[in-house]
């Protein structure tokens, strides 16, 4: 873990110095994280690809603002990704997508084996119905396994707000599942 952080810090310094190979390495290390998060947030593979490009353009332009002492690079990257998705979500209506389509589009997605694929697909569709801020907390918590503190840092909100949003989102999801909505 320490070695990985040192290597990451060295790569970030090389990117800041204008090294294109270092930026390429950074991109390849994190592109799946950005794409999957965008896809889970937006439900559209083309929109997710656009967000992927926008995020890395922003990373390239704004890397000087990243401060390692404030959190992990992946947390900073999640925050940029979620913000880009929220901006896009404000401009368009969220499409519905099944979990099967996500796995078909990107088969190496690290999803757990669902005991009921039909239910998993239904839940994914319902997650896309959530308001963007609620959806972001669900994606970060249940698809990426981030802690409450990591979600709070990523979204720039208090931990209590994270818990409140998750509670609200889970209540809505439960209600929709039980009510067939």
C-alpha atoms as a PDB file:
ATOM      1  CA  UNK A   1       0.000   0.000   0.000  1.00  0.00           C
ATOM      2  CA  UNK A   2       2.772   2.441   0.939  1.00  0.00           C
ATOM      3  CA  UNK A   3       4.755   1.476  -2.147  1.00  0.00           C
ATOM      4  CA  UNK A   4       1.679   1.982  -4.333  1.00  0.00           C
ATOM      5  CA  UNK A   5       1.102   5.465  -2.893  1.00  0.00           C
ATOM      6  CA  UNK A   6       4.753   6.382  -3.440  1.00  0.00           C
ATOM      7  CA  UNK A   7       4.584   5.192  -7.033  1.00  0.00           C
ATOM      8  CA  UNK A   8       1.330   7.094  -7.525  1.00  0.00           C
ATOM      9  CA  UNK A   9       2.822  10.259  -6.039  1.00  0.00           C
ATOM     10  CA  UNK A  10       5.840   9.919  -8.351  1.00  0.00           C
ATOM     11  CA  UNK A  11       3.551   9.446 -11.361  1.00  0.00           C
ATOM     12  CA  UNK A  12       1.523  12.517 -10.377  1.00  0.00           C
ATOM     13  CA  UNK A  13       4.697  14.594 -10.088  1.00  0.00           C
ATOM     14  CA  UNK A  14       5.810  13.430 -13.540  1.00  0.00           C
ATOM     15  CA  UNK A  15       2.390  14.357 -14.954  1.00  0.00           C
ATOM     16  CA  UNK A  16       2.649  17.793 -13.330  1.00  0.00           C
ATOM     17  CA  UNK A  17       6.036  18.173 -15.019  1.00  0.00           C
ATOM     18  CA  UNK A  18       4.403  17.535 -18.407  1.00  0.00           C
ATOM     19  CA  UNK A  19       5.397  13.902 -18.955  1.00  0.00           C
ATOM     20  CA  UNK A  20       2.912  12.453 -21.474  1.00  0.00           C
ATOM     21  CA  UNK A  21       3.840   8.846 -20.732  1.00  0.00           C
ATOM     22  CA  UNK A  22       3.109   9.415 -17.045  1.00  0.00           C
ATOM     23  CA  UNK A  23      -0.296  10.883 -17.914  1.00  0.00           C
ATOM     24  CA  UNK A  24      -1.007   7.887 -20.148  1.00  0.00           C
ATOM     25  CA  UNK A  25      -0.097   5.576 -17.267  1.00  0.00           C
ATOM     26  CA  UNK A  26      -2.381   7.508 -14.911  1.00  0.00           C
ATOM     27  CA  UNK A  27      -5.212   7.363 -17.441  1.00  0.00           C
ATOM     28  CA  UNK A  28      -4.898   3.605 -17.935  1.00  0.00           C
ATOM     29  CA  UNK A  29      -4.744   3.001 -14.191  1.00  0.00           C
ATOM     30  CA  UNK A  30      -7.966   4.918 -13.467  1.00  0.00           C
ATOM     31  CA  UNK A  31     -10.035   4.904 -16.675  1.00  0.00           C
ATOM     32  CA  UNK A  32     -12.178   1.944 -15.580  1.00  0.00           C
ATOM     33  CA  UNK A  33     -12.971   3.552 -12.236  1.00  0.00           C
ATOM     34  CA  UNK A  34     -14.109   6.754 -13.976  1.00  0.00           C
ATOM     35  CA  UNK A  35     -16.028   4.986 -16.749  1.00  0.00           C
ATOM     36  CA  UNK A  36     -17.869   2.614 -14.399  1.00  0.00           C
ATOM     37  CA  UNK A  37     -18.791   5.388 -11.996  1.00  0.00           C
ATOM     38  CA  UNK A  38     -20.083   7.542 -14.867  1.00  0.00           C
ATOM     39  CA  UNK A  39     -21.994   4.613 -16.331  1.00  0.00           C
ATOM     40  CA  UNK A  40     -23.612   3.786 -13.011  1.00  0.00           C
ATOM     41  CA  UNK A  41     -24.515   7.436 -12.522  1.00  0.00           C
ATOM     42  CA  UNK A  42     -25.801   8.131 -16.038  1.00  0.00           C
ATOM     43  CA  UNK A  43     -26.880   4.764 -17.421  1.00  0.00           C
ATOM     44  CA  UNK A  44     -25.585   5.506 -20.910  1.00  0.00           C
ATOM     45  CA  UNK A  45     -22.308   4.124 -22.309  1.00  0.00           C
ATOM     46  CA  UNK A  46     -21.796   7.053 -24.684  1.00  0.00           C
ATOM     47  CA  UNK A  47     -22.391   9.614 -21.958  1.00  0.00           C
ATOM     48  CA  UNK A  48     -20.002   7.668 -19.722  1.00  0.00           C
ATOM     49  CA  UNK A  49     -17.314   7.784 -22.420  1.00  0.00           C
ATOM     50  CA  UNK A  50     -17.831  11.545 -22.772  1.00  0.00           C
ATOM     51  CA  UNK A  51     -17.505  11.956 -19.005  1.00  0.00           C
ATOM     52  CA  UNK A  52     -14.348   9.832 -19.071  1.00  0.00           C
ATOM     53  CA  UNK A  53     -12.774  12.254 -21.544  1.00  0.00           C
ATOM     54  CA  UNK A  54     -14.007  15.329 -19.675  1.00  0.00           C
ATOM     55  CA  UNK A  55     -12.712  14.017 -16.355  1.00  0.00           C
ATOM     56  CA  UNK A  56      -9.209  13.326 -17.635  1.00  0.00           C
ATOM     57  CA  UNK A  57      -9.073  16.659 -19.415  1.00  0.00           C
ATOM     58  CA  UNK A  58     -10.016  18.249 -16.094  1.00  0.00           C
ATOM     59  CA  UNK A  59      -7.405  16.137 -14.276  1.00  0.00           C
ATOM     60  CA  UNK A  60      -4.746  17.273 -16.740  1.00  0.00           C
ATOM     61  CA  UNK A  61      -5.704  20.936 -16.340  1.00  0.00           C
ATOM     62  CA  UNK A  62      -6.316  20.853 -12.576  1.00  0.00           C
ATOM     63  CA  UNK A  63      -3.776  18.394 -11.224  1.00  0.00           C
ATOM     64  CA  UNK A  64      -1.943  21.278  -9.561  1.00  0.00           C
ATOM     65  CA  UNK A  65      -4.970  21.696  -7.255  1.00  0.00           C
ATOM     66  CA  UNK A  66      -4.821  18.117  -5.948  1.00  0.00           C
ATOM     67  CA  UNK A  67      -3.471  17.951  -2.399  1.00  0.00           C
ATOM     68  CA  UNK A  68      -2.434  14.457  -1.207  1.00  0.00           C
ATOM     69  CA  UNK A  69      -2.678  15.493   2.441  1.00  0.00           C
ATOM     70  CA  UNK A  70      -6.437  16.055   1.960  1.00  0.00           C
ATOM     71  CA  UNK A  71      -7.115  12.522   0.699  1.00  0.00           C
ATOM     72  CA  UNK A  72      -6.319   9.825  -1.802  1.00  0.00           C
ATOM     73  CA  UNK A  73      -6.056  10.606  -5.499  1.00  0.00           C
ATOM     74  CA  UNK A  74      -8.919   8.164  -6.147  1.00  0.00           C
ATOM     75  CA  UNK A  75     -11.158  10.187  -3.809  1.00  0.00           C
ATOM     76  CA  UNK A  76     -10.314  13.365  -5.739  1.00  0.00           C
ATOM     77  CA  UNK A  77     -10.969  11.529  -9.000  1.00  0.00           C
ATOM     78  CA  UNK A  78     -14.331  10.189  -7.746  1.00  0.00           C
ATOM     79  CA  UNK A  79     -15.307  13.726  -6.805  1.00  0.00           C
ATOM     80  CA  UNK A  80     -14.495  15.101 -10.264  1.00  0.00           C
ATOM     81  CA  UNK A  81     -16.356  12.205 -11.891  1.00  0.00           C
ATOM     82  CA  UNK A  82     -19.471  12.562  -9.760  1.00  0.00           C
ATOM     83  CA  UNK A  83     -19.514  16.331 -10.314  1.00  0.00           C
ATOM     84  CA  UNK A  84     -19.250  15.882 -14.099  1.00  0.00           C
ATOM     85  CA  UNK A  85     -22.098  13.374 -13.970  1.00  0.00           C
ATOM     86  CA  UNK A  86     -24.242  15.700 -11.880  1.00  0.00           C
ATOM     87  CA  UNK A  87     -23.639  18.509 -14.394  1.00  0.00           C
ATOM     88  CA  UNK A  88     -24.660  16.229 -17.268  1.00  0.00           C
ATOM     89  CA  UNK A  89     -27.635  14.898 -15.339  1.00  0.00           C
ATOM     90  CA  UNK A  90     -28.969  18.412 -14.967  1.00  0.00           C
ATOM     91  CA  UNK A  91     -28.897  18.789 -18.753  1.00  0.00           C
ATOM     92  CA  UNK A  92     -30.629  15.568 -19.709  1.00  0.00           C
ATOM     93  CA  UNK A  93     -33.159  13.021 -18.557  1.00  0.00           C
ATOM     94  CA  UNK A  94     -31.698   9.853 -17.022  1.00  0.00           C
ATOM     95  CA  UNK A  95     -32.116   6.761 -19.187  1.00  0.00           C
ATOM     96  CA  UNK A  96     -32.973   3.384 -17.728  1.00  0.00           C
ATOM     97  CA  UNK A  97     -30.448   0.576 -18.138  1.00  0.00           C
ATOM     98  CA  UNK A  98     -30.221  -2.951 -16.895  1.00  0.00           C
ATOM     99  CA  UNK A  99     -27.319  -4.470 -15.014  1.00  0.00           C
ATOM    100  CA  UNK A 100     -27.054  -7.018 -17.843  1.00  0.00           C
ATOM    101  CA  UNK A 101     -26.318  -4.202 -20.314  1.00  0.00           C
ATOM    102  CA  UNK A 102     -23.624  -2.854 -18.009  1.00  0.00           C
ATOM    103  CA  UNK A 103     -21.974  -6.267 -17.750  1.00  0.00           C
ATOM    104  CA  UNK A 104     -22.350  -6.845 -21.501  1.00  0.00           C
ATOM    105  CA  UNK A 105     -20.691  -3.492 -22.228  1.00  0.00           C
ATOM    106  CA  UNK A 106     -17.858  -4.056 -19.745  1.00  0.00           C
ATOM    107  CA  UNK A 107     -17.585  -7.735 -18.762  1.00  0.00           C
ATOM    108  CA  UNK A 108     -14.701  -7.227 -16.327  1.00  0.00           C
ATOM    109  CA  UNK A 109     -16.894  -5.070 -14.070  1.00  0.00           C
ATOM    110  CA  UNK A 110     -16.180  -6.254 -10.525  1.00  0.00           C
ATOM    111  CA  UNK A 111     -19.745  -7.074  -9.555  1.00  0.00           C
ATOM    112  CA  UNK A 112     -20.641  -9.694  -7.004  1.00  0.00           C
ATOM    113  CA  UNK A 113     -22.548 -12.700  -8.273  1.00  0.00           C
ATOM    114  CA  UNK A 114     -26.204 -11.792  -7.729  1.00  0.00           C
ATOM    115  CA  UNK A 115     -28.376 -14.648  -6.543  1.00  0.00           C
ATOM    116  CA  UNK A 116     -31.207 -13.253  -8.658  1.00  0.00           C
ATOM    117  CA  UNK A 117     -30.096 -11.536 -11.894  1.00  0.00           C
ATOM    118  CA  UNK A 118     -33.618 -10.286 -12.590  1.00  0.00           C
ATOM    119  CA  UNK A 119     -33.773  -8.566  -9.201  1.00  0.00           C
ATOM    120  CA  UNK A 120     -30.289  -7.105  -9.691  1.00  0.00           C
ATOM    121  CA  UNK A 121     -31.375  -5.637 -13.027  1.00  0.00           C
ATOM    122  CA  UNK A 122     -34.513  -4.197 -11.457  1.00  0.00           C
ATOM    123  CA  UNK A 123     -32.506  -2.611  -8.655  1.00  0.00           C
ATOM    124  CA  UNK A 124     -30.124  -1.047 -11.192  1.00  0.00           C
ATOM    125  CA  UNK A 125     -33.090   0.446 -13.056  1.00  0.00           C
ATOM    126  CA  UNK A 126     -34.467   1.829  -9.807  1.00  0.00           C
ATOM    127  CA  UNK A 127     -31.084   3.292  -8.800  1.00  0.00           C
ATOM    128  CA  UNK A 128     -31.159   5.289 -12.039  1.00  0.00           C
ATOM    129  CA  UNK A 129     -34.545   6.725 -10.987  1.00  0.00           C
ATOM    130  CA  UNK A 130     -33.056   8.257  -7.838  1.00  0.00           C
ATOM    131  CA  UNK A 131     -32.256  11.965  -7.773  1.00  0.00           C
ATOM    132  CA  UNK A 132     -28.608  12.445  -8.819  1.00  0.00           C
ATOM    133  CA  UNK A 133     -27.343  13.300  -5.312  1.00  0.00           C
ATOM    134  CA  UNK A 134     -28.974  10.205  -3.837  1.00  0.00           C
ATOM    135  CA  UNK A 135     -27.739   8.078  -6.736  1.00  0.00           C
ATOM    136  CA  UNK A 136     -24.175   9.304  -6.208  1.00  0.00           C
ATOM    137  CA  UNK A 137     -24.165   8.170  -2.581  1.00  0.00           C
ATOM    138  CA  UNK A 138     -25.612   4.760  -3.497  1.00  0.00           C
ATOM    139  CA  UNK A 139     -23.090   4.222  -6.306  1.00  0.00           C
ATOM    140  CA  UNK A 140     -20.141   5.232  -4.138  1.00  0.00           C
ATOM    141  CA  UNK A 141     -21.288   3.117  -1.170  1.00  0.00           C
ATOM    142  CA  UNK A 142     -22.737  -0.020  -2.716  1.00  0.00           C
ATOM    143  CA  UNK A 143     -20.969  -0.267  -6.068  1.00  0.00           C
ATOM    144  CA  UNK A 144     -17.535   0.999  -4.983  1.00  0.00           C
ATOM    145  CA  UNK A 145     -17.620   0.094  -1.284  1.00  0.00           C
ATOM    146  CA  UNK A 146     -16.466   3.514  -0.063  1.00  0.00           C
ATOM    147  CA  UNK A 147     -16.801   4.273   3.640  1.00  0.00           C
ATOM    148  CA  UNK A 148     -19.062   7.062   4.870  1.00  0.00           C
ATOM    149  CA  UNK A 149     -15.976   9.218   5.440  1.00  0.00           C
ATOM    150  CA  UNK A 150     -14.699   8.580   1.911  1.00  0.00           C
ATOM    151  CA  UNK A 151     -18.106   9.416   0.424  1.00  0.00           C
ATOM    152  CA  UNK A 152     -18.252  12.588   2.511  1.00  0.00           C
ATOM    153  CA  UNK A 153     -14.804  13.613   1.266  1.00  0.00           C
ATOM    154  CA  UNK A 154     -15.679  12.754  -2.333  1.00  0.00           C
ATOM    155  CA  UNK A 155     -18.939  14.697  -2.337  1.00  0.00           C
ATOM    156  CA  UNK A 156     -17.781  17.467  -0.019  1.00  0.00           C
ATOM    157  CA  UNK A 157     -20.615  16.917   2.452  1.00  0.00           C
ATOM    158  CA  UNK A 158     -20.802  15.971   6.158  1.00  0.00           C
ATOM    159  CA  UNK A 159     -20.960  12.284   7.124  1.00  0.00           C
ATOM    160  CA  UNK A 160     -24.431  12.867   8.567  1.00  0.00           C
ATOM    161  CA  UNK A 161     -25.623  14.014   5.146  1.00  0.00           C
ATOM    162  CA  UNK A 162     -24.145  10.868   3.583  1.00  0.00           C
ATOM    163  CA  UNK A 163     -26.059   8.715   6.056  1.00  0.00           C
ATOM    164  CA  UNK A 164     -29.242  10.716   5.525  1.00  0.00           C
ATOM    165  CA  UNK A 165     -29.001  10.442   1.731  1.00  0.00           C
ATOM    166  CA  UNK A 166     -28.336   6.702   1.919  1.00  0.00           C
ATOM    167  CA  UNK A 167     -31.280   6.234   4.279  1.00  0.00           C
ATOM    168  CA  UNK A 168     -33.546   8.236   1.966  1.00  0.00           C
ATOM    169  CA  UNK A 169     -32.307   6.379  -1.136  1.00  0.00           C
ATOM    170  CA  UNK A 170     -32.710   2.945   0.433  1.00  0.00           C
ATOM    171  CA  UNK A 171     -36.205   3.872   1.625  1.00  0.00           C
ATOM    172  CA  UNK A 172     -37.186   4.925  -1.891  1.00  0.00           C
ATOM    173  CA  UNK A 173     -35.662   1.802  -3.440  1.00  0.00           C
ATOM    174  CA  UNK A 174     -37.399  -0.437  -0.891  1.00  0.00           C
ATOM    175  CA  UNK A 175     -40.719   1.306  -1.512  1.00  0.00           C
ATOM    176  CA  UNK A 176     -40.404   1.017  -5.283  1.00  0.00           C
ATOM    177  CA  UNK A 177     -39.460  -2.667  -5.032  1.00  0.00           C
ATOM    178  CA  UNK A 178     -42.317  -3.494  -2.669  1.00  0.00           C
ATOM    179  CA  UNK A 179     -44.844  -1.367  -4.536  1.00  0.00           C
ATOM    180  CA  UNK A 180     -43.786  -2.508  -7.984  1.00  0.00           C
ATOM    181  CA  UNK A 181     -42.982   1.120  -8.852  1.00  0.00           C
END
